[in-house]
């Protein structure tokens, strides 16, 4: 009697940890809310919300809003991206829109045309200003009054 309850409880957690896949050639229009991770090789026109990880494959396209903990992008994303942890852009990634993340990793070759806010950097700046520390950037003095090659006057 108790062993069957344990099995159903275990199966419920296994279902949540499984990955949802949107295959190449599939187009979904609308909002998706899930407790599990996603791998997208097809196209999503709408909003995705999950506490897990979203992977957009090379053929994957999202046009909308994505809210999750982590995302790995190899394909194309256009819209608003809100991540509580890390955004990883592979060399084939193309991202446009508004991005708010905790951490950002970009491989050379990725296209990243977005306004980006990093929540982790904001906390560090606030802590530094509370202790009274200031940073000063100084420019080297130019000699001769002539701008160096490649600089404007």
Protein backbone atom coordinates (compact mmCIF):
# COMPACT_ATOMS: atom_id res chain seq x y z
CA UNK A 1 0.00 0.00 0.00
CA UNK A 2 2.73 2.52 0.92
CA UNK A 3 5.08 1.35 -1.86
CA UNK A 4 2.57 2.35 -4.58
CA UNK A 5 2.32 5.87 -3.09
CA UNK A 6 6.11 6.20 -3.17
CA UNK A 7 6.19 5.16 -6.83
CA UNK A 8 3.59 7.73 -7.90
CA UNK A 9 5.39 10.45 -5.92
CA UNK A 10 8.65 9.55 -7.64
CA UNK A 11 7.04 9.58 -11.08
CA UNK A 12 5.63 13.08 -10.45
CA UNK A 13 9.12 14.48 -9.76
CA UNK A 14 10.55 12.65 -12.78
CA UNK A 15 7.91 14.26 -15.01
CA UNK A 16 8.85 17.74 -13.78
CA UNK A 17 12.58 17.16 -14.39
CA UNK A 18 12.01 15.95 -17.97
CA UNK A 19 12.78 18.29 -20.83
CA UNK A 20 10.07 19.65 -23.13
CA UNK A 21 11.08 19.70 -26.79
CA UNK A 22 9.65 21.77 -29.62
CA UNK A 23 10.92 20.05 -32.74
CA UNK A 24 12.22 21.59 -35.96
CA UNK A 25 9.31 22.41 -38.28
CA UNK A 26 6.90 23.02 -35.38
CA UNK A 27 5.42 26.49 -34.83
CA UNK A 28 3.64 27.38 -31.61
CA UNK A 29 1.69 30.62 -31.25
CA UNK A 30 0.69 31.57 -27.72
CA UNK A 31 1.95 31.46 -24.15
CA UNK A 32 3.75 28.49 -22.59
CA UNK A 33 4.04 27.99 -18.83
CA UNK A 34 5.90 24.92 -17.57
CA UNK A 35 7.78 23.61 -14.54
CA UNK A 36 10.25 21.74 -16.77
CA UNK A 37 13.17 22.72 -18.97
CA UNK A 38 12.78 23.44 -22.70
CA UNK A 39 14.72 22.69 -25.86
CA UNK A 40 13.43 24.65 -28.84
CA UNK A 41 14.39 23.70 -32.39
CA UNK A 42 11.15 25.01 -33.92
CA UNK A 43 9.46 28.41 -33.68
CA UNK A 44 7.61 30.02 -30.78
CA UNK A 45 5.59 33.20 -31.31
CA UNK A 46 4.61 34.18 -27.78
CA UNK A 47 5.74 34.03 -24.18
CA UNK A 48 7.55 31.26 -22.31
CA UNK A 49 7.77 31.07 -18.52
CA UNK A 50 9.64 28.35 -16.63
CA UNK A 51 11.76 28.22 -13.47
CA UNK A 52 14.27 25.99 -15.27
CA UNK A 53 16.55 26.24 -18.30
CA UNK A 54 15.65 27.04 -21.91
CA UNK A 55 17.89 25.95 -24.79
CA UNK A 56 17.27 27.48 -28.20
CA UNK A 57 18.93 25.23 -30.78
CA UNK A 58 20.48 26.38 -34.07
CA UNK A 59 17.13 26.12 -35.88
CA UNK A 60 15.14 27.52 -32.94
CA UNK A 61 13.36 30.89 -33.04
CA UNK A 62 11.55 32.75 -30.25
CA UNK A 63 9.68 35.96 -30.88
CA UNK A 64 8.22 37.16 -27.58
CA UNK A 65 9.09 37.16 -23.89
CA UNK A 66 11.17 34.53 -22.11
CA UNK A 67 11.27 34.32 -18.30
CA UNK A 68 13.45 31.59 -16.80
CA UNK A 69 16.51 30.92 -14.64
CA UNK A 70 19.03 30.08 -17.40
CA UNK A 71 19.15 30.12 -21.20
CA UNK A 72 21.57 28.81 -23.83
CA UNK A 73 20.97 30.36 -27.24
CA UNK A 74 22.30 29.02 -30.53
CA UNK A 75 19.38 30.20 -32.69
CA UNK A 76 17.40 33.43 -32.88
CA UNK A 77 15.66 35.36 -30.11
CA UNK A 78 13.70 38.60 -30.54
CA UNK A 79 11.88 40.25 -27.64
CA UNK A 80 12.27 40.54 -23.88
CA UNK A 81 14.51 38.14 -21.99
CA UNK A 82 14.37 37.99 -18.17
CA UNK A 83 16.76 35.51 -16.55
CA UNK A 84 17.44 35.15 -12.84
CA UNK A 85 20.83 33.52 -13.52
CA UNK A 86 22.95 33.01 -16.68
CA UNK A 87 22.51 33.77 -20.38
CA UNK A 88 24.95 31.88 -22.60
CA UNK A 89 25.18 32.96 -26.25
CA UNK A 90 26.85 30.52 -28.64
CA UNK A 91 28.66 31.72 -31.77
CA UNK A 92 25.58 31.15 -33.97
CA UNK A 93 23.22 33.11 -31.65
CA UNK A 94 21.27 36.16 -32.80
CA UNK A 95 19.60 38.18 -30.01
CA UNK A 96 17.63 41.42 -30.37
CA UNK A 97 15.51 43.28 -27.83
CA UNK A 98 15.69 43.83 -24.09
CA UNK A 99 17.76 41.59 -21.80
CA UNK A 100 17.88 41.47 -18.00
CA UNK A 101 20.22 38.80 -16.61
CA UNK A 102 22.35 37.91 -13.62
CA UNK A 103 25.36 36.73 -15.67
CA UNK A 104 26.22 36.92 -19.37
CA UNK A 105 28.55 34.68 -21.42
CA UNK A 106 29.07 35.48 -25.12
CA UNK A 107 31.10 33.41 -27.58
CA UNK A 108 32.89 35.24 -30.42
CA UNK A 109 30.67 35.48 -33.49
CA UNK A 110 27.37 35.87 -31.63
CA UNK A 111 25.10 38.77 -32.61
CA UNK A 112 23.85 40.69 -29.55
CA UNK A 113 21.81 43.80 -30.43
CA UNK A 114 19.98 44.44 -27.18
CA UNK A 115 19.73 46.71 -24.20
CA UNK A 116 21.20 44.70 -21.36
CA UNK A 117 20.95 45.08 -17.59
CA UNK A 118 22.88 42.82 -15.25
CA UNK A 119 21.39 42.48 -11.77
CA UNK A 120 24.64 41.20 -10.19
CA UNK A 121 26.66 44.24 -11.33
CA UNK A 122 24.08 46.61 -9.87
CA UNK A 123 24.49 45.11 -6.37
CA UNK A 124 28.28 45.48 -6.54
CA UNK A 125 28.00 49.15 -7.53
CA UNK A 126 25.64 49.88 -4.64
CA UNK A 127 27.96 48.16 -2.14
CA UNK A 128 30.94 50.19 -3.39
CA UNK A 129 29.13 53.52 -3.04
CA UNK A 130 28.04 52.75 0.54
CA UNK A 131 31.64 52.34 1.73
CA UNK A 132 32.61 55.68 0.21
CA UNK A 133 35.01 54.23 -2.36
CA UNK A 134 35.31 56.15 -5.59
CA UNK A 135 36.94 55.27 -8.88
CA UNK A 136 38.58 57.86 -11.08
CA UNK A 137 39.47 57.33 -14.72
CA UNK A 138 42.31 59.51 -15.93
CA UNK A 139 43.24 60.18 -19.53
CA UNK A 140 46.89 60.40 -20.51
CA UNK A 141 47.90 63.93 -21.50
CA UNK A 142 48.39 64.50 -25.22
CA UNK A 143 51.63 66.14 -26.31
CA UNK A 144 52.08 68.75 -29.00
CA UNK A 145 48.40 69.73 -29.18
CA UNK A 146 47.88 67.37 -32.12
CA UNK A 147 45.48 64.43 -31.78
CA UNK A 148 47.11 61.05 -32.12
CA UNK A 149 46.45 58.96 -35.19
CA UNK A 150 42.90 57.61 -35.12
CA UNK A 151 41.65 60.18 -32.59
CA UNK A 152 39.56 63.23 -33.23
CA UNK A 153 40.39 66.68 -31.88
